[in-house]
């Protein structure tokens, strides 16, 4: 089975052929890159299924750990395991609105990926990433014919107020100083980790501007006639429990429940989902003590097994592939 993986990040084109991994570079370099990538992969199959699947996500799809023996990234492992051609659209802090814009563009072009695998990073719904001036990708959205839904102002980013505990707030600029600092005592190190974990995951999900785009992506898939498997990306939940307060834990669980509830309501008509936020233990991440979602070889393979098993059941892929 021949599988191909394309990435917009770092202008890399990665290919997986018979599960052997190699990489070559290609210069793209403009806000039209993503549109060009989608056109080159799907437009020749306009009006019919492309016999290619699409993997949407952020840097979780791309990162590998330095100690990995198997250096295939998440998308490469998915392509090899499920036996489908996969086009990957991923980059640092790619977010639900951008994913929705990609699907809307494909719908307008009458292009139908076979299956869309949509990774939802919990952290992408919080203010730290939602309002970061470098991570909204306004030009990329416009290049896809999408009107950005809000303005990101770099001058006001540092003034955003974030909750780090029930009765404790910080401005984003203050948080960034803490996050980038080097603690001098064990207590300072513990407080720093508590604040980082809270800002990453203990935000008010109902205030997120991005939640609605998950629903819109499901609606586009149903309307356009391609299958969508959305999944919540694993986080280092053990580290979070070790550092965060009970209040922060409740906030995190509320976010997971809110997203899962939304996805449950959309199930059917070619839409299915997996909830993997607590799938992996500390040994599955780059660092066992850091609040992040980047998976090492063990974690990537664990996640891929779950995605493949659940999507095969949801879409009866055994029969389709046979």
Protein backbone atom coordinates (compact mmCIF):
# COMPACT_ATOMS: atom_id res chain seq x y z
CA UNK A 1 0.00 0.00 0.00
CA UNK A 2 1.38 3.36 -1.01
CA UNK A 3 0.74 6.22 1.35
CA UNK A 4 1.71 9.84 0.94
CA UNK A 5 1.93 12.47 3.61
CA UNK A 6 2.14 16.16 2.83
CA UNK A 7 2.87 18.86 5.38
CA UNK A 8 2.63 22.63 5.11
CA UNK A 9 4.89 23.18 8.12
CA UNK A 10 8.57 23.82 7.33
CA UNK A 11 7.61 23.37 3.64
CA UNK A 12 8.25 19.64 3.97
CA UNK A 13 6.83 16.95 1.76
CA UNK A 14 7.04 13.65 3.56
CA UNK A 15 6.38 10.38 1.81
CA UNK A 16 5.65 6.99 3.27
CA UNK A 17 6.07 4.15 0.81
CA UNK A 18 5.52 0.65 2.13
CA UNK A 19 5.89 2.10 5.64
CA UNK A 20 9.45 3.32 4.94
CA UNK A 21 9.90 6.97 5.84
CA UNK A 22 11.84 9.55 3.89
CA UNK A 23 11.61 13.31 3.54
CA UNK A 24 12.43 15.91 0.91
CA UNK A 25 12.00 19.68 0.94
CA UNK A 26 10.08 21.93 -1.39
CA UNK A 27 9.85 25.72 -1.21
CA UNK A 28 6.33 27.10 -1.06
CA UNK A 29 6.50 30.15 1.18
CA UNK A 30 3.37 32.28 0.71
CA UNK A 31 -0.15 32.57 2.07
CA UNK A 32 -1.30 30.59 -0.99
CA UNK A 33 0.72 27.53 0.10
CA UNK A 34 -2.17 25.74 1.75
CA UNK A 35 -4.54 26.45 -1.14
CA UNK A 36 -1.92 25.17 -3.58
CA UNK A 37 -1.43 22.03 -1.53
CA UNK A 38 -5.17 21.28 -1.42
CA UNK A 39 -5.63 22.04 -5.12
CA UNK A 40 -2.75 19.79 -6.17
CA UNK A 41 -4.02 16.90 -4.09
CA UNK A 42 -7.79 17.08 -4.48
CA UNK A 43 -8.86 19.18 -7.46
CA UNK A 44 -8.03 16.49 -10.02
CA UNK A 45 -10.72 14.40 -8.30
CA UNK A 46 -13.32 17.17 -8.33
CA UNK A 47 -16.86 15.92 -7.84
CA UNK A 48 -15.86 12.48 -6.64
CA UNK A 49 -14.00 10.86 -3.76
CA UNK A 50 -10.28 11.40 -4.10
CA UNK A 51 -9.27 8.04 -2.62
CA UNK A 52 -7.12 10.10 -0.28
CA UNK A 53 -7.73 10.89 3.35
CA UNK A 54 -6.97 14.17 5.10
CA UNK A 55 -5.29 14.51 8.51
CA UNK A 56 -5.91 17.91 10.09
CA UNK A 57 -4.19 19.00 13.27
CA UNK A 58 -1.36 21.02 14.76
CA UNK A 59 2.24 20.32 15.71
CA UNK A 60 1.18 17.12 17.51
CA UNK A 61 0.97 15.54 14.05
CA UNK A 62 4.56 16.49 13.29
CA UNK A 63 6.76 16.32 16.35
CA UNK A 64 8.98 13.36 17.24
CA UNK A 65 11.18 12.92 20.31
CA UNK A 66 14.97 12.83 20.05
CA UNK A 67 15.13 9.43 21.78
CA UNK A 68 12.66 7.74 19.41
CA UNK A 69 13.81 4.68 17.51
CA UNK A 70 10.89 4.90 15.10
CA UNK A 71 11.02 8.49 13.86
CA UNK A 72 7.79 8.39 11.86
CA UNK A 73 5.47 11.18 12.95
CA UNK A 74 1.83 10.71 13.87
CA UNK A 75 0.45 11.16 10.35
CA UNK A 76 3.04 8.81 8.88
CA UNK A 77 2.19 6.14 11.44
CA UNK A 78 -1.53 6.62 10.78
CA UNK A 79 -1.09 6.24 7.03
CA UNK A 80 0.97 3.09 7.42
CA UNK A 81 -1.36 1.51 9.96
CA UNK A 82 -4.68 2.23 8.29
CA UNK A 83 -3.42 1.58 4.77
CA UNK A 84 -4.78 4.75 3.15
CA UNK A 85 -3.23 7.63 1.23
CA UNK A 86 -3.18 10.56 3.63
CA UNK A 87 -2.72 14.27 2.96
CA UNK A 88 -1.66 16.08 6.10
CA UNK A 89 -2.44 19.71 6.84
CA UNK A 90 -0.73 20.64 10.10
CA UNK A 91 1.45 23.32 11.60
CA UNK A 92 2.36 24.99 14.85
CA UNK A 93 -0.86 26.02 16.64
CA UNK A 94 -3.12 25.25 13.67
CA UNK A 95 -6.59 25.65 15.13
CA UNK A 96 -10.28 24.68 14.67
CA UNK A 97 -11.17 27.77 12.63
CA UNK A 98 -8.33 27.07 10.20
CA UNK A 99 -9.36 23.40 9.96
CA UNK A 100 -12.93 24.52 9.28
CA UNK A 101 -11.69 26.87 6.56
CA UNK A 102 -9.85 23.98 4.90
CA UNK A 103 -12.99 21.84 4.86
CA UNK A 104 -15.12 24.74 3.61
CA UNK A 105 -12.65 25.31 0.78
CA UNK A 106 -12.77 21.65 -0.24
CA UNK A 107 -16.57 21.75 -0.13
CA UNK A 108 -16.68 24.79 -2.43
CA UNK A 109 -14.35 23.02 -4.85
CA UNK A 110 -16.54 19.88 -4.75
CA UNK A 111 -13.53 17.90 -3.49
CA UNK A 112 -14.17 14.92 -1.26
CA UNK A 113 -11.44 13.39 0.87
CA UNK A 114 -12.25 9.79 1.66
CA UNK A 115 -11.91 10.32 5.43
CA UNK A 116 -10.94 13.43 7.38
CA UNK A 117 -9.11 12.75 10.64
CA UNK A 118 -9.47 15.91 12.74
CA UNK A 119 -7.22 16.31 15.80
CA UNK A 120 -8.54 18.67 18.47
CA UNK A 121 -5.91 19.98 20.85
CA UNK A 122 -7.55 21.13 24.09
CA UNK A 123 -5.02 23.93 24.48
CA UNK A 124 -6.02 25.47 21.15
CA UNK A 125 -9.35 26.56 22.66
CA UNK A 126 -7.75 28.68 25.39
CA UNK A 127 -6.82 32.38 25.26
CA UNK A 128 -3.07 31.69 25.26
CA UNK A 129 -3.28 30.22 21.75
CA UNK A 130 -6.55 31.74 20.59
CA UNK A 131 -5.31 35.33 20.73
CA UNK A 132 -1.60 34.83 20.05
CA UNK A 133 -0.73 37.23 17.19
CA UNK A 134 1.52 34.69 15.44
CA UNK A 135 -0.91 31.77 15.67
CA UNK A 136 -4.13 33.00 14.11
CA UNK A 137 -2.89 32.63 10.50
CA UNK A 138 -5.06 35.43 9.18
CA UNK A 139 -3.34 35.48 5.78
CA UNK A 140 -3.70 31.72 5.42
CA UNK A 141 -7.41 31.95 6.22
CA UNK A 142 -7.87 34.69 3.62
CA UNK A 143 -5.90 32.63 1.08
CA UNK A 144 -8.57 29.94 1.46
CA UNK A 145 -11.34 32.47 0.82
CA UNK A 146 -12.30 32.58 4.49
CA UNK A 147 -13.19 35.78 6.34
CA UNK A 148 -11.39 35.76 9.72
CA UNK A 149 -13.96 35.98 12.50
CA UNK A 150 -12.04 38.18 14.93
CA UNK A 151 -9.05 40.48 15.07
CA UNK A 152 -5.83 39.57 16.81
CA UNK A 153 -3.95 42.59 18.15
CA UNK A 154 -0.36 42.00 19.20
CA UNK A 155 -0.42 45.19 21.28
CA UNK A 156 -3.15 43.90 23.58
CA UNK A 157 -1.98 40.27 23.93
CA UNK A 158 0.10 40.92 27.05
CA UNK A 159 -2.90 42.55 28.75
CA UNK A 160 -5.22 39.54 28.44
CA UNK A 161 -6.29 38.30 31.87
CA UNK A 162 -6.07 34.55 32.49
CA UNK A 163 -7.15 32.53 35.51
CA UNK A 164 -4.49 30.43 37.19
CA UNK A 165 -6.70 29.42 40.13
CA UNK A 166 -10.18 30.07 41.43
CA UNK A 167 -9.29 33.43 42.95
CA UNK A 168 -6.01 34.13 41.19
CA UNK A 169 -5.48 35.85 37.84
CA UNK A 170 -2.48 36.98 35.85
CA UNK A 171 -2.00 39.09 32.78
CA UNK A 172 -0.67 37.17 29.79
CA UNK A 173 2.54 39.19 29.78
CA UNK A 174 3.16 38.31 33.42
CA UNK A 175 2.41 34.66 32.69
CA UNK A 176 4.92 34.62 29.84
CA UNK A 177 7.63 36.00 32.11
CA UNK A 178 6.91 33.23 34.62
CA UNK A 179 6.79 30.53 31.94
CA UNK A 180 10.15 31.65 30.51
CA UNK A 181 11.83 32.07 33.89
CA UNK A 182 14.31 29.74 35.58
CA UNK A 183 13.12 28.90 39.13
CA UNK A 184 15.71 29.22 41.90
CA UNK A 185 13.95 27.10 44.53
CA UNK A 186 11.81 23.93 44.49
CA UNK A 187 8.81 25.98 45.60
CA UNK A 188 9.27 28.43 42.72
CA UNK A 189 9.54 25.49 40.32
CA UNK A 190 6.32 23.99 41.66
CA UNK A 191 4.47 27.32 41.45
CA UNK A 192 5.72 27.85 37.91
CA UNK A 193 4.42 24.43 36.82
CA UNK A 194 1.07 25.07 38.54
CA UNK A 195 0.61 28.33 36.66
CA UNK A 196 1.69 26.88 33.29
CA UNK A 197 -0.65 23.89 33.60
CA UNK A 198 -3.56 26.12 34.58
CA UNK A 199 -3.10 28.55 31.70
CA UNK A 200 -2.75 25.68 29.23
CA UNK A 201 -5.87 23.79 30.24
CA UNK A 202 -7.95 25.47 32.98
CA UNK A 203 -9.65 28.15 30.89
CA UNK A 204 -13.37 28.74 30.49
CA UNK A 205 -14.26 26.61 27.46
CA UNK A 206 -17.65 28.33 27.09
CA UNK A 207 -15.85 31.61 26.41
CA UNK A 208 -13.82 30.13 23.58
CA UNK A 209 -14.48 31.54 20.13
CA UNK A 210 -13.29 28.32 18.55
CA UNK A 211 -15.75 25.76 19.88
CA UNK A 212 -18.35 26.59 17.23
CA UNK A 213 -15.92 25.69 14.44
CA UNK A 214 -15.84 22.06 15.55
CA UNK A 215 -19.59 21.90 15.01
CA UNK A 216 -19.29 23.70 11.68
CA UNK A 217 -16.63 21.24 10.52
CA UNK A 218 -19.00 18.35 11.29
CA UNK A 219 -21.78 20.08 9.39
CA UNK A 220 -19.55 20.67 6.36
CA UNK A 221 -18.52 17.02 6.29
CA UNK A 222 -22.13 15.83 6.35
CA UNK A 223 -23.19 18.31 3.70
CA UNK A 224 -20.22 17.66 1.42
CA UNK A 225 -20.45 13.89 1.75
CA UNK A 226 -17.14 12.88 3.28
CA UNK A 227 -16.52 11.01 6.50
CA UNK A 228 -15.09 12.86 9.49
CA UNK A 229 -13.39 11.28 12.48
CA UNK A 230 -12.70 13.95 15.11
CA UNK A 231 -10.61 13.13 18.16
CA UNK A 232 -9.42 14.94 21.27
CA UNK A 233 -5.63 14.86 21.44
CA UNK A 234 -4.03 13.29 24.55
CA UNK A 235 -2.50 15.61 27.10
CA UNK A 236 -0.09 14.85 29.92
CA UNK A 237 -2.96 14.52 32.37
CA UNK A 238 -0.84 12.84 35.06
CA UNK A 239 1.49 15.84 35.22
CA UNK A 240 -1.54 18.12 35.24
CA UNK A 241 -3.03 16.28 38.23
CA UNK A 242 0.30 16.51 40.05
CA UNK A 243 0.57 20.29 39.76
CA UNK A 244 -2.88 21.78 39.19
CA UNK A 245 -5.46 22.60 41.85
CA UNK A 246 -8.87 20.93 42.24
CA UNK A 247 -10.41 24.03 40.66
CA UNK A 248 -8.16 23.69 37.60
CA UNK A 249 -8.98 19.99 37.32
CA UNK A 250 -12.69 20.76 37.30
CA UNK A 251 -12.15 23.36 34.58
CA UNK A 252 -10.25 20.83 32.44
CA UNK A 253 -12.89 18.14 32.88
CA UNK A 254 -15.58 20.65 31.95
CA UNK A 255 -13.75 21.46 28.71
CA UNK A 256 -13.43 17.79 27.81
CA UNK A 257 -17.12 17.19 28.59
CA UNK A 258 -18.19 20.22 26.56
CA UNK A 259 -16.27 19.14 23.46
CA UNK A 260 -17.36 15.53 23.78
CA UNK A 261 -20.99 16.57 24.22
CA UNK A 262 -20.79 18.62 21.04
CA UNK A 263 -19.25 15.72 19.11
CA UNK A 264 -21.80 13.24 20.45
CA UNK A 265 -24.62 15.38 19.10
CA UNK A 266 -23.00 15.35 15.67
CA UNK A 267 -22.42 11.58 15.45
CA UNK A 268 -24.07 10.02 12.42
CA UNK A 269 -24.21 10.97 8.77
CA UNK A 270 -20.55 10.11 8.35
CA UNK A 271 -19.30 11.78 11.55
CA UNK A 272 -17.68 9.87 14.44
CA UNK A 273 -15.29 10.79 17.23
CA UNK A 274 -12.77 9.53 19.77
CA UNK A 275 -11.99 11.03 23.17
CA UNK A 276 -8.32 10.37 23.93
CA UNK A 277 -7.46 13.24 26.26
CA UNK A 278 -6.36 10.87 29.05
CA UNK A 279 -5.24 7.96 26.86
CA UNK A 280 -1.53 8.26 27.56
CA UNK A 281 0.58 8.15 30.72
CA UNK A 282 3.57 10.33 31.51
CA UNK A 283 5.93 7.98 29.68
CA UNK A 284 4.20 8.80 26.38
CA UNK A 285 5.27 12.47 26.23
CA UNK A 286 8.49 14.30 25.49
CA UNK A 287 8.87 15.13 29.16
CA UNK A 288 6.96 13.44 31.99
CA UNK A 289 6.64 16.66 34.01
CA UNK A 290 5.70 19.23 31.37
CA UNK A 291 2.22 20.32 30.32
CA UNK A 292 2.23 19.45 26.65
CA UNK A 293 0.70 17.23 23.99
CA UNK A 294 3.77 16.20 22.00
CA UNK A 295 4.03 12.42 21.97
CA UNK A 296 7.09 10.21 21.82
CA UNK A 297 7.16 6.99 19.81
CA UNK A 298 5.26 5.03 22.45
CA UNK A 299 2.54 7.67 22.72
CA UNK A 300 2.16 8.15 18.97
CA UNK A 301 1.71 4.44 18.38
CA UNK A 302 -0.80 4.20 21.21
CA UNK A 303 -2.84 7.06 19.78
CA UNK A 304 -2.70 5.71 16.23
CA UNK A 305 -3.92 2.29 17.37
CA UNK A 306 -6.92 3.94 19.03
CA UNK A 307 -7.72 6.15 16.02
CA UNK A 308 -7.46 3.24 13.60
CA UNK A 309 -9.50 0.84 15.72
CA UNK A 310 -12.28 3.33 16.45
CA UNK A 311 -12.52 4.73 12.90
CA UNK A 312 -12.59 1.25 11.41
CA UNK A 313 -15.51 0.36 13.64
CA UNK A 314 -17.31 3.67 13.03
CA UNK A 315 -16.94 3.58 9.24
CA UNK A 316 -16.81 -0.20 8.70
CA UNK A 317 -13.40 0.22 7.06
CA UNK A 318 -12.62 -3.51 7.11
CA UNK A 319 -15.36 -4.05 4.55
CA UNK A 320 -14.44 -0.94 2.55
CA UNK A 321 -10.76 -1.86 2.34
CA UNK A 322 -11.55 -5.47 1.49
